[in-house]
Amino acid sequence: MGHILKIQPVFKEMIWGGHKLRDIYGYNIPSSQTGECWAISGHKNGDCLIKNGEYQGKTVSWLFENHKELFGTIEGDQFPLLVKIIDAKNDLSVQVHPDNNYAKIHENSLGKTECWYVLQADEGTKMVMGHHAQTKSDFIKAIESDDYDHLLNTFEINKGDFFYIPSGTLHAICSGSLIYEAQQSSDITYRVYDYHRKDKEGHERQLHVKQSIDVTTVPSMHQDSKVFVNTHLDHGTKTRYVESEFFIVDCYRMNGKNTIVNNKPFQLVSILEGEGIMDDQVIKKGDHFIVCSDQDAVTYDGYMTIMITTL
């Protein structure tokens, strides 16, 4: 029998955060301004603990460093992916993330390509994705004149929407959103605009305008209509939302017993809805697991929505 590791999330208080992580998932959050659940992470800024088995109490990064054999043939010196749940009570900053090359040179970090699955959205909730500038000079002019109303591409979102956000994409999660996010293991965010919000001391948050100009793709990459791949299971369906060089994200909607083969270096498993059994473990909404490479398959039984992210 291989390793199925239950993970203890790390929580982050944010100026824009709320309390849905407690209300919906039952998490013991630090305050009513909790914006992020780092559900599965080996990043130094939020290194999750293992909750069960022989490695209980160890961190994900420790396991990756000391037992690389549990992660197949994966290369690199750090755990490559990070899964979050984000509660945006208020708007996040308009921001952009660097690619691997820029991040390596300037931050000694991985870059950050990410994707979002909308878990909940209040009526009228919006999202920022991309911009309308056609040249770098137009982009800089809009920033210098604070003309974000015309610069930003904004649209409404709904529960169940999925978005792939390559590095270099200007974006912002807006108020009323609850988001599942899978990303490269990076904490590099360049804020270009933060609505001139001030903290309790009257200070605006730091911006990273030069870096944002450096890394933002101009013109924006066109967001084509997505055609997701659906597959029937014995009891339910599987939707492949994205298959990129950075990660693969599949959503399983189950109404009974299904066995999911693991032919990847690992699987990052998040229970988004429902409850049931995962091999011999009772699982419920809000639980998160790493299925290691020595576990050939996992049998699930129950009425559940499960997101699995892999390489």
Protein backbone atom coordinates (compact mmCIF):
# COMPACT_ATOMS: atom_id res chain seq x y z
CA MET A 1 0.00 0.00 0.00
CA GLY A 2 1.28 3.44 -0.91
CA HIS A 3 1.06 6.82 0.77
CA ILE A 4 -2.11 8.93 0.87
CA LEU A 5 -1.17 11.93 3.00
CA LYS A 6 -3.75 14.21 4.58
CA ILE A 7 -2.59 17.82 4.61
CA GLN A 8 -3.14 20.57 7.19
CA PRO A 9 -3.79 23.89 5.40
CA VAL A 10 -2.06 27.18 6.19
CA PHE A 11 -4.20 30.33 6.38
CA LYS A 12 -3.32 33.88 5.36
CA GLU A 13 -4.98 37.05 6.62
CA MET A 14 -5.45 39.64 3.86
CA ILE A 15 -6.83 43.17 3.66
CA TRP A 16 -9.42 41.83 1.21
CA GLY A 17 -10.25 38.55 3.00
CA GLY A 18 -13.43 37.38 4.70
CA HIS A 19 -14.78 34.43 6.70
CA LYS A 20 -16.20 32.04 4.06
CA LEU A 21 -13.34 29.62 4.68
CA ARG A 22 -14.83 29.11 8.13
CA ASP A 23 -18.48 29.34 7.16
CA ILE A 24 -18.32 26.98 4.16
CA TYR A 25 -15.46 24.61 4.97
CA GLY A 26 -15.41 24.74 8.77
CA TYR A 27 -11.77 25.78 8.94
CA ASN A 28 -10.40 27.32 12.12
CA ILE A 29 -9.33 30.59 10.52
CA PRO A 30 -7.26 33.24 12.33
CA SER A 31 -9.71 36.14 11.78
CA SER A 32 -12.67 37.39 9.75
CA GLN A 33 -10.18 38.84 7.25
CA THR A 34 -8.78 35.49 6.11
CA GLY A 35 -8.21 35.58 2.38
CA GLU A 36 -6.24 32.46 1.53
CA CYS A 37 -6.19 28.80 2.46
CA TRP A 38 -2.91 27.31 1.28
CA ALA A 39 -4.45 23.88 1.07
CA ILE A 40 -1.47 21.91 -0.28
CA SER A 41 1.88 23.68 -0.23
CA GLY A 42 5.57 23.04 0.20
CA HIS A 43 6.46 26.72 -0.25
CA LYS A 44 8.55 28.36 2.46
CA ASN A 45 5.90 31.06 2.96
CA GLY A 46 3.23 28.49 3.80
CA ASP A 47 4.63 25.01 4.28
CA CYS A 48 1.79 22.62 5.12
CA LEU A 49 2.03 19.85 7.72
CA ILE A 50 1.20 16.19 7.11
CA LYS A 51 -1.62 15.05 9.43
CA ASN A 52 -1.44 11.24 9.23
CA GLY A 53 0.79 8.22 8.86
CA GLU A 54 4.49 7.76 9.45
CA TYR A 55 5.31 11.31 8.36
CA GLN A 56 2.75 13.00 10.63
CA GLY A 57 4.02 16.38 11.79
CA LYS A 58 6.53 16.73 8.96
CA THR A 59 6.17 19.44 6.33
CA VAL A 60 5.52 18.90 2.65
CA SER A 61 8.90 20.47 1.80
CA TRP A 62 10.67 18.14 4.25
CA LEU A 63 9.04 15.12 2.66
CA PHE A 64 9.95 16.30 -0.84
CA GLU A 65 13.56 16.90 0.20
CA ASN A 66 14.03 13.69 2.18
CA HIS A 67 11.82 11.20 0.33
CA LYS A 68 11.97 12.18 -3.32
CA GLU A 69 11.15 8.56 -4.19
CA LEU A 70 7.54 9.28 -3.19
CA PHE A 71 7.28 11.76 -6.06
CA GLY A 72 8.30 9.61 -9.01
CA THR A 73 10.84 10.95 -11.45
CA ILE A 74 10.13 14.59 -10.72
CA GLU A 75 13.06 17.00 -11.06
CA GLY A 76 13.87 20.22 -9.23
CA ASP A 77 14.73 21.11 -5.65
CA GLN A 78 11.30 22.29 -4.51
CA PHE A 79 7.77 20.95 -4.52
CA PRO A 80 6.47 22.35 -7.83
CA LEU A 81 2.75 23.06 -7.26
CA LEU A 82 0.53 24.90 -4.80
CA VAL A 83 -3.22 24.62 -4.26
CA LYS A 84 -5.24 27.41 -2.62
CA ILE A 85 -8.81 28.37 -1.83
CA ILE A 86 -9.29 32.13 -2.00
CA ASP A 87 -12.06 34.10 -0.28
CA ALA A 88 -12.33 37.58 -1.77
CA LYS A 89 -14.68 39.62 0.42
CA ASN A 90 -13.21 42.68 -1.30
CA ASP A 91 -11.32 43.22 -4.54
CA LEU A 92 -7.78 41.91 -4.84
CA SER A 93 -5.18 44.18 -6.38
CA VAL A 94 -4.70 44.28 -10.14
CA GLN A 95 -1.58 42.19 -10.49
CA VAL A 96 0.64 40.10 -12.72
CA HIS A 97 3.09 37.24 -12.19
CA PRO A 98 6.46 36.67 -13.89
CA ASP A 99 7.47 33.67 -15.97
CA ASN A 100 10.18 31.23 -14.88
CA ASN A 101 13.03 33.13 -16.54
CA TYR A 102 12.22 36.55 -15.06
CA ALA A 103 11.43 35.08 -11.63
CA LYS A 104 14.68 33.13 -11.55
CA ILE A 105 16.81 36.16 -12.42
CA HIS A 106 15.04 38.74 -10.25
CA GLU A 107 13.49 36.74 -7.40
CA ASN A 108 15.35 33.39 -7.30
CA SER A 109 11.94 31.76 -7.59
CA LEU A 110 9.72 29.81 -9.91
CA GLY A 111 7.41 31.86 -12.08
CA LYS A 112 3.68 31.72 -11.61
CA THR A 113 1.18 30.38 -14.08
CA GLU A 114 -2.12 29.62 -12.36
CA CYS A 115 -5.73 28.62 -12.95
CA TRP A 116 -9.03 29.34 -11.20
CA TYR A 117 -12.20 27.35 -10.69
CA VAL A 118 -15.08 29.45 -9.37
CA LEU A 119 -16.54 27.72 -6.30
CA GLN A 120 -19.01 30.50 -5.53
CA ALA A 121 -19.79 33.93 -6.94
CA ASP A 122 -22.25 36.47 -5.63
CA GLU A 123 -24.65 37.89 -8.19
CA GLY A 124 -22.85 40.40 -10.39
CA THR A 125 -19.36 39.33 -9.28
CA LYS A 126 -16.69 40.42 -11.73
CA MET A 127 -13.17 39.39 -12.66
CA VAL A 128 -10.31 41.23 -14.35
CA MET A 129 -8.47 39.26 -17.02
CA GLY A 130 -6.21 40.96 -19.53
CA HIS A 131 -6.20 44.54 -20.82
CA HIS A 132 -6.97 46.61 -23.91
CA ALA A 133 -3.55 48.19 -24.61
CA GLN A 134 -2.13 47.26 -28.01
CA THR A 135 1.42 48.51 -27.42
CA LYS A 136 3.74 48.78 -24.45
CA SER A 137 3.66 52.58 -24.71
CA ASP A 138 -0.16 52.56 -24.55
CA PHE A 139 0.07 50.25 -21.53
CA ILE A 140 2.52 52.55 -19.73
CA LYS A 141 0.46 55.65 -20.59
CA ALA A 142 -2.68 54.13 -19.06
CA ILE A 143 -0.81 53.25 -15.86
CA GLU A 144 0.77 56.71 -15.58
CA SER A 145 -2.62 58.40 -16.05
CA ASP A 146 -4.38 56.01 -13.62
CA ASP A 147 -6.81 55.11 -16.42
CA TYR A 148 -7.68 51.61 -15.31
CA ASP A 149 -11.35 51.95 -16.28
CA HIS A 150 -10.34 51.86 -19.94
CA LEU A 151 -7.25 49.66 -19.59
CA LEU A 152 -8.68 46.61 -17.83
CA ASN A 153 -10.77 43.83 -19.39
CA THR A 154 -13.54 43.15 -16.86
CA PHE A 155 -16.44 40.70 -17.03
CA GLU A 156 -18.93 38.87 -14.81
CA ILE A 157 -18.30 35.34 -13.57
CA ASN A 158 -20.47 32.50 -12.31
CA LYS A 159 -20.07 29.38 -10.19
CA GLY A 160 -18.41 26.63 -12.21
CA ASP A 161 -16.39 28.91 -14.49
CA PHE A 162 -12.76 27.95 -15.10
CA PHE A 163 -9.89 30.20 -16.21
CA TYR A 164 -6.27 29.50 -17.17
CA ILE A 165 -3.95 32.42 -16.38
CA PRO A 166 -0.48 32.20 -17.95
CA SER A 167 2.33 34.26 -16.42
CA GLY A 168 2.29 37.77 -17.86
CA THR A 169 -1.52 38.04 -17.69
CA LEU A 170 -2.84 41.13 -15.91
CA HIS A 171 -5.65 39.97 -13.60
CA ALA A 172 -7.64 40.46 -10.41
CA ILE A 173 -10.09 38.39 -8.41
CA CYS A 174 -12.93 40.69 -7.36
CA SER A 175 -15.23 40.89 -4.35
CA GLY A 176 -17.79 38.13 -3.92
CA SER A 177 -15.56 35.36 -5.29
CA LEU A 178 -14.62 32.02 -3.74
CA ILE A 179 -11.94 30.43 -5.90
CA TYR A 180 -10.06 27.13 -6.11
CA GLU A 181 -6.60 27.96 -7.43
CA ALA A 182 -3.88 25.64 -8.70
CA GLN A 183 -0.54 27.24 -9.52
CA GLN A 184 3.18 26.89 -9.75
CA SER A 185 4.76 27.01 -6.29
CA SER A 186 5.57 30.72 -6.29
CA ASP A 187 4.63 33.64 -4.05
CA ILE A 188 5.77 36.36 -6.46
CA THR A 189 3.03 38.91 -7.12
CA TYR A 190 3.58 42.28 -8.80
CA ARG A 191 0.81 44.74 -7.89
CA VAL A 192 0.27 47.41 -10.50
CA TYR A 193 -2.90 48.96 -9.01
CA ASP A 194 -4.64 48.65 -5.63
CA TYR A 195 -7.49 51.20 -5.86
CA HIS A 196 -5.49 53.56 -3.59
CA ARG A 197 -6.61 51.55 -0.56
CA LYS A 198 -5.03 52.45 2.76
CA ASP A 199 -4.25 50.33 5.79
CA LYS A 200 -5.05 51.21 9.40
CA GLU A 201 -2.02 53.48 9.49
CA GLY A 202 -3.15 55.34 6.37
CA HIS A 203 -0.54 53.83 4.05
CA GLU A 204 -1.20 52.45 0.60
CA ARG A 205 0.16 48.99 -0.15
CA GLN A 206 3.42 48.72 -2.02
CA LEU A 207 3.12 48.60 -5.80
CA HIS A 208 5.52 47.03 -8.28
CA VAL A 209 4.92 49.16 -11.35
CA LYS A 210 8.30 48.66 -13.06
CA GLN A 211 8.17 44.90 -12.64
CA SER A 212 4.55 44.83 -13.82
CA ILE A 213 5.47 46.71 -16.98
CA ASP A 214 8.43 44.37 -17.52
CA VAL A 215 6.45 41.14 -17.36
CA THR A 216 2.93 41.95 -18.62
CA THR A 217 2.15 40.49 -22.03
CA VAL A 218 1.20 43.27 -24.49
CA PRO A 219 -1.12 42.97 -26.29
CA SER A 220 -3.05 40.59 -24.05
CA MET A 221 -3.25 36.96 -25.09
CA HIS A 222 -6.68 36.29 -26.57
CA GLN A 223 -8.83 34.16 -24.27
CA ASP A 224 -10.51 31.66 -26.58
CA SER A 225 -13.71 29.95 -25.56
CA LYS A 226 -12.67 26.86 -23.65
CA VAL A 227 -13.70 23.40 -24.79
CA PHE A 228 -13.26 21.10 -21.82
CA VAL A 229 -12.90 17.34 -22.23
CA ASN A 230 -15.59 15.29 -20.44
CA THR A 231 -15.28 11.58 -19.68
CA HIS A 232 -17.83 9.19 -18.19
CA LEU A 233 -16.87 7.30 -15.02
CA ASP A 234 -18.50 4.19 -13.60
CA HIS A 235 -20.47 6.51 -11.32
CA GLY A 236 -20.08 10.11 -12.38
CA THR A 237 -18.07 12.28 -14.76
CA LYS A 238 -14.58 13.66 -15.16
CA THR A 239 -13.87 17.08 -16.68
CA ARG A 240 -10.33 17.93 -17.78
CA TYR A 241 -10.11 21.69 -17.40
CA VAL A 242 -6.51 22.22 -18.44
CA GLU A 243 -3.48 20.25 -19.57
CA SER A 244 -0.45 22.54 -19.77
CA GLU A 245 3.31 22.32 -19.36
CA PHE A 246 2.86 23.38 -15.72
CA PHE A 247 -0.06 21.28 -14.47
CA ILE A 248 -3.10 19.17 -15.31
CA VAL A 249 -6.41 19.86 -13.54
CA ASP A 250 -9.30 17.37 -13.51
CA CYS A 251 -12.66 17.69 -11.74
CA TYR A 252 -14.44 14.47 -10.73
CA ARG A 253 -18.16 14.64 -9.96
CA MET A 254 -18.98 11.31 -8.33
CA ASN A 255 -22.26 9.64 -7.40
CA GLY A 256 -20.92 6.28 -6.23
CA LYS A 257 -17.83 4.11 -6.35
CA ASN A 258 -14.97 4.95 -8.73
CA THR A 259 -11.33 3.91 -8.90
CA ILE A 260 -8.92 6.59 -10.14
CA VAL A 261 -5.58 5.35 -11.48
CA ASN A 262 -2.47 7.25 -10.38
CA ASN A 263 0.17 7.20 -13.11
CA LYS A 264 1.64 10.59 -12.18
CA PRO A 265 4.49 11.63 -9.84
CA PHE A 266 1.76 12.66 -7.38
CA GLN A 267 -1.87 13.80 -7.23
CA LEU A 268 -3.06 16.83 -5.24
CA VAL A 269 -6.61 15.97 -4.17
CA SER A 270 -9.14 18.50 -2.82
CA ILE A 271 -12.66 17.58 -1.74
CA LEU A 272 -14.76 20.54 -2.88
CA GLU A 273 -18.23 19.18 -2.11
CA GLY A 274 -19.79 16.19 -0.38
CA GLU A 275 -18.38 13.34 1.68
CA GLY A 276 -17.50 9.68 1.38
CA ILE A 277 -14.61 7.22 1.50
CA MET A 278 -11.11 7.47 0.00
CA ASP A 279 -9.72 3.93 0.19
CA ASP A 280 -10.14 3.32 3.93
CA GLN A 281 -10.34 6.98 5.03
CA VAL A 282 -13.54 8.92 5.70
CA ILE A 283 -13.33 12.20 3.80
CA LYS A 284 -15.43 15.34 3.60
CA LYS A 285 -15.66 18.73 1.96
CA GLY A 286 -12.58 20.81 2.77
CA ASP A 287 -10.15 17.89 3.08
CA HIS A 288 -6.92 17.86 1.05
CA PHE A 289 -4.49 15.04 0.27
CA ILE A 290 -1.29 14.20 -1.56
CA VAL A 291 -1.45 10.82 -3.28
CA CYS A 292 2.19 9.77 -3.71
CA SER A 293 3.62 7.90 -6.68
CA ASP A 294 3.75 4.59 -4.78
CA GLN A 295 -0.09 4.52 -4.67
CA ASP A 296 -1.15 2.99 -7.99
CA ALA A 297 -4.84 3.82 -7.67
CA VAL A 298 -7.38 5.27 -5.24
CA THR A 299 -10.96 4.08 -4.78
CA TYR A 300 -13.55 6.72 -3.89
CA ASP A 301 -17.11 6.05 -2.80
CA GLY A 302 -19.66 8.77 -2.16
CA TYR A 303 -21.41 11.80 -3.56
CA MET A 304 -18.55 14.24 -4.01
CA THR A 305 -16.90 16.85 -6.22
CA ILE A 306 -13.15 16.31 -6.19
CA MET A 307 -10.43 18.37 -7.87
CA ILE A 308 -7.18 16.57 -8.72
CA THR A 309 -4.13 18.54 -9.85
CA THR A 310 -1.04 16.79 -11.19
CA LEU A 311 1.98 17.42 -13.37
